[in-house]
Structures are given as C-alpha cells and as structure tokens.
Amino acid sequence: MKRKMKPTPLAVLLLAALGSTSVCAAPVVTVYSADGLHDGNNSWYQSQFDAFTQQTGIKVQYVEGGSGAIVERLAKERTNPQADVLVTVPPFIQRAAKTELLAKFTPESAVSIPNSTEYYTPIVNNYLTFIYNDKLLKNPPATWNELLDTRFKNKLQYSTPGQAGDGTAVMLQVFHSFGGKDAGFNYLGKLQANNVGPSASTGKLTALVNKGELYVANGDLQMNLSQMERNPNVKIFWPADEKGERSALVLPYVVGLVNNGPETENGKKLINFLLDKQAQSHVSELSWGMPVRSDLTPNDPQFHKATETLKGVKTWQPNWDEVEISLSDDISRWHKVTESE
C-alpha cells in the first residue's frame, strides 16, 4: 500500500507565495507612443496615466520613440506583441493599420471626434511648425526661398522624413506650398545645401536653435509651445509660398488598439479614458495640444495662446491613405534629391 506524501511546511509556504503573486500581480497596460505628450514634470500623459491607475488599478507602462520608429518596433514584435496601445502621427498610423498591426476598435467617444476610423482615432490635435532663434535673427525667414540664402548654411536642420513624423510633414508641406511633388523635390534638393544633415529626432532640434547652433529648424505646435519656457530664444514661424500664403499641415497624434496585444481589454479602457471629456479638457492646459472632441472648447491660457499663434495661418491636411501608399517611393526620392542615401 502506497503512503500519501504530505507536503513539508516549506513547500506549503512556497505554494502560498506563488499563489499570492499570481493573484496580486497588478494589472498593466503598455503604451507605445511618439514623443511629445510626456514632456515636462506635469505632462498631460503622466497626469492622465496617474488618474487612470487611481480609477482602475491598472498600471501604465510607457515606451516612447520616434513616430516612424515606434511603428517599426511594433512590426518587429508582430509575432509576440508587447504593446496594447499605439499613439503616433500620420501617415505612420495608417501604415500600422494597413499592415494589420492594429485591431478594429471604436472608442466610446468616437462619435464626437472627427476623422475617427474603425482602426484609429485622433487623440490630440497638432500642427507642423518652424522655429527660429529670435536673438540671432531680427525677423524670421519670410518665405521658403529665403531659407535658401547662404547665411543659413549649416545653420538649418529638419528632422529626417520617414523616421520622424515632423520631418515627413516638412516634405509634405513643401509639396503643398510648391504646388506638387516635382517642384517640391526640386526645392528640397536646393535646400540641402544649407541643411546640417539627418536627425531622427525633432525634439532635440529645439535646444540647438535656442543655443544658436542652429538658426532655423522644424517642429510642431504642441511640442514647441511646451518647450519655449525652457528655451526662451525660440520663436515659431511659418514661411510663405510665392502667393504670400502661410500654411500649416494638420498633424494630430492618433491612437489605436494593438492587434493581439497582451492586455487588450486594458488597452480599450485606457483609450476610452484618454478620449473622455474630462481627460480631453486638460490637453491644452498640460500639453499645449488641442483637444480632438468637437463638443469641447477649452478656456485655459495655453489654448488661447495656441489659437493665437495660428492666426493668419491656413491649416490643411492631405488624404493620409494616399500619402501612405506613396510614402516609400517619396522617401526614396527624397534621399536621392538630397544625396543622403
């Protein structure tokens, strides 16, 4: 007759510890995001992540990268996704949807948010900008052609199209301002004589302009306004085209649910939380961005400053699906005309 094995006291303690670990492990949600919304000590992201955790008990794990690079990372992890939520800018969010990195998900607030689709939804509105050092330049460059002047040689830099969302936006803005791709690429080829060289990060250019190492760089409204307090020599401008029109590409942050993410339900909860009226009401106050909800108009000083800055500037946006289709060819052509292959 076989005797039954009795667990030792140590074994009982170990089993109890293992059991309590699995039961008590805090729920999490992982966000992969383009940079910009987590800047500063009391950023919109951090304040909302903290509020979300307090309300739900779900901890937010945050991973930041360039707009294109963060989607590339997600693609490399396709067979074993590590993220639940993706936030980036067009046309990279369209690329993520097209390559099935995103799952279909309609947030609760989608009805109040223009340009929502079944795969992604704008989360913070934003616009392409250019910045200059107002201590070294009496006035900002008035026109695109003025940027070709030799005084800007090695004093001008814009982030790299295809790697940075803001850099890709520069290329698209040039197409728009010059009336087409051929004229736009011709201009970018000439501008390269003054360009310092490639930069995967747009945010790092602000400090270089503030210090005077650069006179001019590109940026975006939300990021630059949030950086100007720490970089007092930096001011925003938009160059005019040959008709005298100053225009700015609309470049929103956009959120999507990652396909087969490890914590899909938590991802849905976080997206709904960030798009809720309460969270959106603090977007401009804490990040200098613009809320995306059509039923919300903030009254804080930051919102008024952002709208005042945009006065006299015509905003526009392309068909982002068409942009995504031709993006690889356009980036290849950009490398060719700028001799940066």
Protein backbone atom coordinates (compact mmCIF):
# COMPACT_ATOMS: atom_id res chain seq x y z
CA MET A 1 0.00 0.00 0.00
CA LYS A 2 1.40 3.36 -1.08
CA ARG A 3 1.70 6.07 1.51
CA LYS A 4 0.41 9.53 0.65
CA MET A 5 3.12 12.19 0.51
CA LYS A 6 2.49 15.08 2.87
CA PRO A 7 3.86 18.47 1.75
CA THR A 8 6.53 19.89 4.02
CA PRO A 9 5.91 23.24 5.78
CA LEU A 10 8.44 24.87 3.38
CA ALA A 11 6.58 23.55 0.35
CA VAL A 12 3.31 24.89 1.73
CA LEU A 13 4.85 28.33 2.19
CA LEU A 14 6.31 28.34 -1.34
CA LEU A 15 2.99 27.32 -2.92
CA ALA A 16 1.21 30.03 -0.94
CA ALA A 17 3.74 32.64 -2.05
CA LEU A 18 3.45 31.63 -5.69
CA GLY A 19 -0.31 31.69 -5.50
CA SER A 20 -0.43 35.13 -3.91
CA THR A 21 2.00 36.50 -6.52
CA SER A 22 -0.20 35.47 -9.43
CA VAL A 23 -3.34 36.71 -7.74
CA CYS A 24 -1.92 40.01 -6.50
CA ALA A 25 0.13 40.99 -9.56
CA ALA A 26 -1.02 44.48 -10.54
CA PRO A 27 -2.82 44.66 -13.91
CA VAL A 28 -0.94 46.64 -16.56
CA VAL A 29 -1.37 48.24 -19.95
CA THR A 30 1.57 49.06 -22.22
CA VAL A 31 1.62 52.16 -24.42
CA TYR A 32 3.97 52.68 -27.36
CA SER A 33 3.93 56.37 -28.22
CA ALA A 34 5.56 59.00 -30.37
CA ASP A 35 7.28 61.63 -28.23
CA GLY A 36 5.79 64.97 -27.25
CA LEU A 37 2.88 64.33 -24.89
CA HIS A 38 5.05 63.17 -21.99
CA ASP A 39 7.33 66.23 -21.89
CA GLY A 40 7.73 68.15 -18.63
CA ASN A 41 7.13 67.36 -14.97
CA ASN A 42 3.33 67.52 -15.09
CA SER A 43 2.61 66.34 -18.62
CA TRP A 44 -0.86 65.51 -19.92
CA TYR A 45 0.17 61.88 -20.36
CA GLN A 46 1.53 61.49 -16.84
CA SER A 47 -1.41 63.22 -15.19
CA GLN A 48 -3.91 61.08 -17.11
CA PHE A 49 -1.95 57.85 -16.60
CA ASP A 50 -1.90 58.54 -12.85
CA ALA A 51 -5.64 59.29 -12.84
CA PHE A 52 -6.34 56.14 -14.87
CA THR A 53 -4.35 53.98 -12.44
CA GLN A 54 -6.10 55.55 -9.46
CA GLN A 55 -9.52 54.91 -11.01
CA THR A 56 -8.93 51.40 -12.37
CA GLY A 57 -5.92 49.98 -10.52
CA ILE A 58 -4.26 49.35 -13.92
CA LYS A 59 -0.64 50.48 -14.12
CA VAL A 60 0.51 52.16 -17.35
CA GLN A 61 3.84 51.06 -18.80
CA TYR A 62 5.09 53.74 -21.21
CA VAL A 63 7.55 53.33 -24.10
CA GLU A 64 8.50 56.35 -26.23
CA GLY A 65 10.13 56.66 -29.65
CA GLY A 66 10.08 58.47 -32.96
CA SER A 67 6.80 58.45 -34.90
CA GLY A 68 8.07 56.00 -37.50
CA ALA A 69 10.47 54.11 -35.25
CA ILE A 70 7.77 53.18 -32.74
CA VAL A 71 5.70 51.56 -35.51
CA GLU A 72 8.79 49.72 -36.78
CA ARG A 73 9.32 48.33 -33.28
CA LEU A 74 5.72 47.16 -33.17
CA ALA A 75 6.15 45.47 -36.55
CA LYS A 76 9.24 43.59 -35.36
CA GLU A 77 7.21 42.28 -32.42
CA ARG A 78 4.31 41.18 -34.61
CA THR A 79 4.52 37.51 -33.59
CA ASN A 80 4.82 38.42 -29.91
CA PRO A 81 3.26 41.85 -29.33
CA GLN A 82 4.46 43.69 -26.23
CA ALA A 83 2.20 46.77 -26.52
CA ASP A 84 -1.54 47.22 -26.09
CA VAL A 85 -1.94 50.82 -27.29
CA LEU A 86 -0.18 52.71 -30.08
CA VAL A 87 -0.03 56.51 -30.37
CA THR A 88 1.73 58.04 -33.35
CA VAL A 89 1.05 60.50 -36.18
CA PRO A 90 0.02 60.18 -39.83
CA PRO A 91 1.00 58.56 -42.12
CA PHE A 92 2.54 56.05 -39.72
CA ILE A 93 -0.77 55.25 -38.01
CA GLN A 94 -2.21 54.46 -41.47
CA ARG A 95 0.76 52.20 -42.14
CA ALA A 96 0.18 50.39 -38.84
CA ALA A 97 -3.48 49.81 -39.75
CA LYS A 98 -2.67 48.72 -43.32
CA THR A 99 -0.11 46.16 -42.13
CA GLU A 100 -2.58 44.73 -39.58
CA LEU A 101 -0.72 45.93 -36.51
CA LEU A 102 -3.96 47.46 -35.22
CA ALA A 103 -7.22 45.81 -34.23
CA LYS A 104 -10.66 47.17 -35.04
CA PHE A 105 -11.94 49.20 -32.12
CA THR A 106 -14.47 52.03 -31.90
CA PRO A 107 -13.97 54.12 -28.73
CA GLU A 108 -17.00 55.31 -26.80
CA SER A 109 -16.26 58.95 -27.74
CA ALA A 110 -15.68 58.34 -31.46
CA VAL A 111 -18.99 59.99 -32.40
CA SER A 112 -17.64 63.30 -31.01
CA ILE A 113 -14.23 63.04 -32.70
CA PRO A 114 -13.86 63.95 -36.40
CA ASN A 115 -11.77 61.66 -38.64
CA SER A 116 -12.18 58.60 -36.43
CA THR A 117 -12.00 55.27 -38.26
CA GLU A 118 -12.60 51.66 -37.29
CA TYR A 119 -8.87 51.24 -36.59
CA TYR A 120 -7.70 54.55 -35.12
CA THR A 121 -8.90 57.82 -33.60
CA PRO A 122 -7.24 61.24 -33.21
CA ILE A 123 -6.29 61.88 -29.59
CA VAL A 124 -4.59 65.34 -29.65
CA ASN A 125 -4.68 67.86 -32.49
CA ASN A 126 -1.39 69.39 -33.57
CA TYR A 127 0.25 71.30 -36.45
CA LEU A 128 3.58 71.48 -38.27
CA THR A 129 5.70 74.49 -37.29
CA PHE A 130 9.12 76.00 -37.88
CA ILE A 131 11.23 77.66 -35.21
CA TYR A 132 14.00 80.28 -35.22
CA ASN A 133 16.37 81.95 -32.75
CA ASP A 134 14.97 85.45 -32.28
CA LYS A 135 18.15 86.72 -30.60
CA LEU A 136 20.27 85.97 -33.66
CA LEU A 137 17.66 86.68 -36.34
CA LYS A 138 15.89 90.03 -36.19
CA ASN A 139 12.97 88.57 -38.14
CA PRO A 140 12.05 85.01 -39.11
CA PRO A 141 12.55 83.94 -42.73
CA ALA A 142 9.53 85.34 -44.54
CA THR A 143 9.42 82.88 -47.44
CA TRP A 144 10.54 79.40 -48.41
CA ASN A 145 13.03 80.85 -50.87
CA GLU A 146 14.63 82.95 -48.13
CA LEU A 147 15.70 79.70 -46.45
CA LEU A 148 17.95 79.06 -49.47
CA ASP A 149 20.09 82.08 -48.56
CA THR A 150 23.74 81.24 -47.82
CA ARG A 151 23.51 82.78 -44.34
CA PHE A 152 21.62 79.62 -43.34
CA LYS A 153 24.37 77.26 -44.49
CA ASN A 154 24.92 74.72 -41.70
CA LYS A 155 22.51 76.73 -39.56
CA LEU A 156 19.34 74.98 -40.72
CA GLN A 157 18.14 71.48 -39.95
CA TYR A 158 14.94 69.50 -40.25
CA SER A 159 14.24 66.01 -38.99
CA THR A 160 14.50 63.14 -41.44
CA PRO A 161 11.41 62.20 -43.47
CA GLY A 162 10.45 58.58 -42.96
CA GLN A 163 12.00 58.47 -39.49
CA ALA A 164 10.36 61.44 -37.81
CA GLY A 165 6.72 62.37 -38.25
CA ASP A 166 7.54 66.08 -38.20
CA GLY A 167 10.25 65.55 -40.83
CA THR A 168 7.81 63.68 -43.05
CA ALA A 169 5.42 66.59 -42.53
CA VAL A 170 8.07 69.04 -43.80
CA MET A 171 8.32 67.09 -47.05
CA LEU A 172 4.52 67.07 -47.45
CA GLN A 173 4.28 70.77 -46.60
CA VAL A 174 6.85 71.58 -49.29
CA PHE A 175 4.82 69.58 -51.83
CA HIS A 176 1.78 71.63 -50.83
CA SER A 177 3.49 75.03 -50.81
CA PHE A 178 5.17 74.45 -54.18
CA GLY A 179 2.12 73.00 -55.87
CA GLY A 180 3.31 69.44 -56.43
CA LYS A 181 5.95 66.81 -55.84
CA ASP A 182 8.28 67.69 -58.74
CA ALA A 183 8.60 71.33 -57.70
CA GLY A 184 8.77 70.27 -54.06
CA PHE A 185 11.61 67.82 -54.57
CA ASN A 186 13.44 70.41 -56.67
CA TYR A 187 13.26 72.84 -53.75
CA LEU A 188 14.34 70.23 -51.18
CA GLY A 189 17.35 69.42 -53.35
CA LYS A 190 18.38 73.10 -53.24
CA LEU A 191 17.66 73.40 -49.52
CA GLN A 192 20.06 70.55 -48.80
CA ALA A 193 22.99 72.92 -49.38
CA ASN A 194 22.08 74.60 -46.07
CA ASN A 195 20.86 71.53 -44.16
CA VAL A 196 23.18 70.30 -41.40
CA GLY A 197 22.17 66.71 -42.04
CA PRO A 198 19.83 63.95 -40.87
CA SER A 199 18.13 63.98 -37.48
CA ALA A 200 15.90 61.16 -36.27
CA SER A 201 14.53 63.41 -33.50
CA THR A 202 12.67 66.67 -33.98
CA GLY A 203 12.52 67.50 -30.27
CA LYS A 204 16.31 67.70 -29.93
CA LEU A 205 16.50 70.47 -32.53
CA THR A 206 14.80 72.99 -30.23
CA ALA A 207 17.74 73.18 -27.83
CA LEU A 208 20.13 73.63 -30.75
CA VAL A 209 18.10 76.58 -32.02
CA ASN A 210 17.89 78.05 -28.52
CA LYS A 211 21.69 77.88 -28.13
CA GLY A 212 22.27 79.40 -31.58
CA GLU A 213 23.93 76.32 -33.04
CA LEU A 214 21.04 76.41 -35.50
CA TYR A 215 19.13 79.45 -36.70
CA VAL A 216 16.14 77.53 -38.04
CA ALA A 217 14.58 74.07 -37.56
CA ASN A 218 11.24 72.33 -37.87
CA GLY A 219 8.90 71.32 -35.08
CA ASP A 220 5.24 71.08 -34.19
CA LEU A 221 2.98 73.50 -32.35
CA GLN A 222 2.28 71.39 -29.27
CA MET A 223 5.91 70.44 -28.71
CA ASN A 224 7.38 73.87 -29.43
CA LEU A 225 4.94 75.78 -27.22
CA SER A 226 5.66 73.37 -24.37
CA GLN A 227 9.42 73.80 -24.88
CA MET A 228 9.57 77.59 -25.18
CA GLU A 229 9.57 78.27 -21.45
CA ARG A 230 12.77 76.23 -21.15
CA ASN A 231 14.13 77.62 -24.43
CA PRO A 232 13.45 81.39 -24.29
CA ASN A 233 15.27 82.24 -27.53
CA VAL A 234 12.95 80.08 -29.62
CA LYS A 235 10.01 81.51 -31.56
CA ILE A 236 7.56 79.93 -34.03
CA PHE A 237 7.06 80.91 -37.66
CA TRP A 238 5.68 79.62 -40.96
CA PRO A 239 7.32 80.59 -44.29
CA ALA A 240 5.04 81.91 -47.04
CA ASP A 241 4.74 80.49 -50.54
CA GLU A 242 5.07 82.59 -53.71
CA LYS A 243 1.45 83.78 -53.31
CA GLY A 244 2.20 85.02 -49.79
CA GLU A 245 0.17 82.28 -48.10
CA ARG A 246 1.43 80.78 -44.86
CA SER A 247 0.04 77.31 -44.25
CA ALA A 248 0.44 74.54 -41.68
CA LEU A 249 -0.12 70.83 -42.09
CA VAL A 250 -2.52 69.37 -39.52
CA LEU A 251 -0.54 66.62 -37.78
CA PRO A 252 -2.58 65.03 -34.98
CA TYR A 253 -1.49 62.40 -32.52
CA VAL A 254 -3.64 59.35 -33.25
CA VAL A 255 -4.38 56.32 -31.06
CA GLY A 256 -5.09 52.72 -31.99
CA LEU A 257 -5.53 49.37 -30.24
CA VAL A 258 -2.67 46.95 -30.94
CA ASN A 259 -3.70 43.73 -32.64
CA ASN A 260 -3.35 40.73 -30.28
CA GLY A 261 -1.76 42.82 -27.53
CA PRO A 262 -1.16 41.11 -24.18
CA GLU A 263 -3.78 43.20 -22.33
CA THR A 264 -6.35 44.14 -24.97
CA GLU A 265 -9.21 44.91 -22.57
CA ASN A 266 -6.98 47.19 -20.51
CA GLY A 267 -5.91 48.88 -23.73
CA LYS A 268 -9.55 49.59 -24.60
CA LYS A 269 -10.13 51.03 -21.13
CA LEU A 270 -7.14 53.38 -21.43
CA ILE A 271 -8.14 54.62 -24.89
CA ASN A 272 -11.67 55.34 -23.70
CA PHE A 273 -10.26 57.14 -20.66
CA LEU A 274 -7.93 59.38 -22.70
CA LEU A 275 -10.71 60.34 -25.12
CA ASP A 276 -13.24 61.06 -22.38
CA LYS A 277 -14.34 64.68 -22.00
CA GLN A 278 -12.66 65.01 -18.61
CA ALA A 279 -9.23 63.94 -19.91
CA GLN A 280 -9.57 65.95 -23.12
CA SER A 281 -10.42 69.10 -21.17
CA HIS A 282 -6.82 69.16 -19.84
CA VAL A 283 -4.98 68.58 -23.16
CA SER A 284 -4.13 72.23 -23.82
CA GLU A 285 -3.61 73.15 -20.18
CA LEU A 286 -1.00 70.43 -19.60
CA SER A 287 0.49 69.75 -23.04
CA TRP A 288 -0.29 72.81 -25.24
CA GLY A 289 -2.05 70.46 -27.67
CA MET A 290 -5.59 70.88 -28.96
CA PRO A 291 -8.42 68.58 -27.80
CA VAL A 292 -9.95 66.49 -30.57
CA ARG A 293 -13.54 66.42 -29.33
CA SER A 294 -15.98 68.59 -31.31
CA ASP A 295 -18.05 69.16 -28.17
CA LEU A 296 -15.21 70.75 -26.19
CA THR A 297 -13.63 74.23 -26.32
CA PRO A 298 -11.13 74.89 -23.50
CA ASN A 299 -10.78 78.28 -21.87
CA ASP A 300 -7.28 77.99 -20.45
CA PRO A 301 -4.42 80.42 -21.33
CA GLN A 302 -2.48 77.70 -23.16
CA PHE A 303 -5.37 77.02 -25.54
CA HIS A 304 -5.77 80.73 -26.27
CA LYS A 305 -2.02 81.08 -26.86
CA ALA A 306 -2.03 78.15 -29.32
CA THR A 307 -5.00 79.50 -31.28
CA GLU A 308 -3.49 83.00 -31.29
CA THR A 309 -0.22 81.61 -32.67
CA LEU A 310 -2.11 80.02 -35.56
CA LYS A 311 -3.83 83.26 -36.56
CA GLY A 312 -3.22 84.13 -40.20
CA VAL A 313 -2.04 80.60 -40.99
CA LYS A 314 -4.15 78.37 -43.22
CA THR A 315 -4.37 74.81 -41.93
CA TRP A 316 -4.72 71.87 -44.30
CA GLN A 317 -4.31 68.10 -44.45
CA PRO A 318 -3.84 65.62 -47.28
CA ASN A 319 -5.54 62.31 -47.92
CA TRP A 320 -3.41 60.32 -45.49
CA ASP A 321 -4.24 56.97 -47.07
CA GLU A 322 -2.86 58.26 -50.39
CA VAL A 323 0.21 59.61 -48.59
CA GLU A 324 0.86 56.21 -47.02
CA ILE A 325 0.63 54.43 -50.38
CA SER A 326 3.34 56.58 -51.98
CA LEU A 327 5.41 57.18 -48.83
CA SER A 328 8.15 54.61 -49.51
CA ASP A 329 8.70 55.94 -53.04
CA ASP A 330 8.65 59.53 -51.83
CA ILE A 331 11.20 58.80 -49.10
CA SER A 332 13.45 57.07 -51.65
CA ARG A 333 13.18 60.08 -53.95
CA TRP A 334 13.91 62.43 -51.04
CA HIS A 335 17.13 60.52 -50.31
CA LYS A 336 18.08 60.77 -53.96
CA VAL A 337 17.50 64.51 -54.42
CA THR A 338 19.20 65.34 -51.12
CA GLU A 339 22.07 62.90 -51.82
CA SER A 340 21.59 61.40 -48.38
CA GLU A 341 21.31 57.74 -49.44
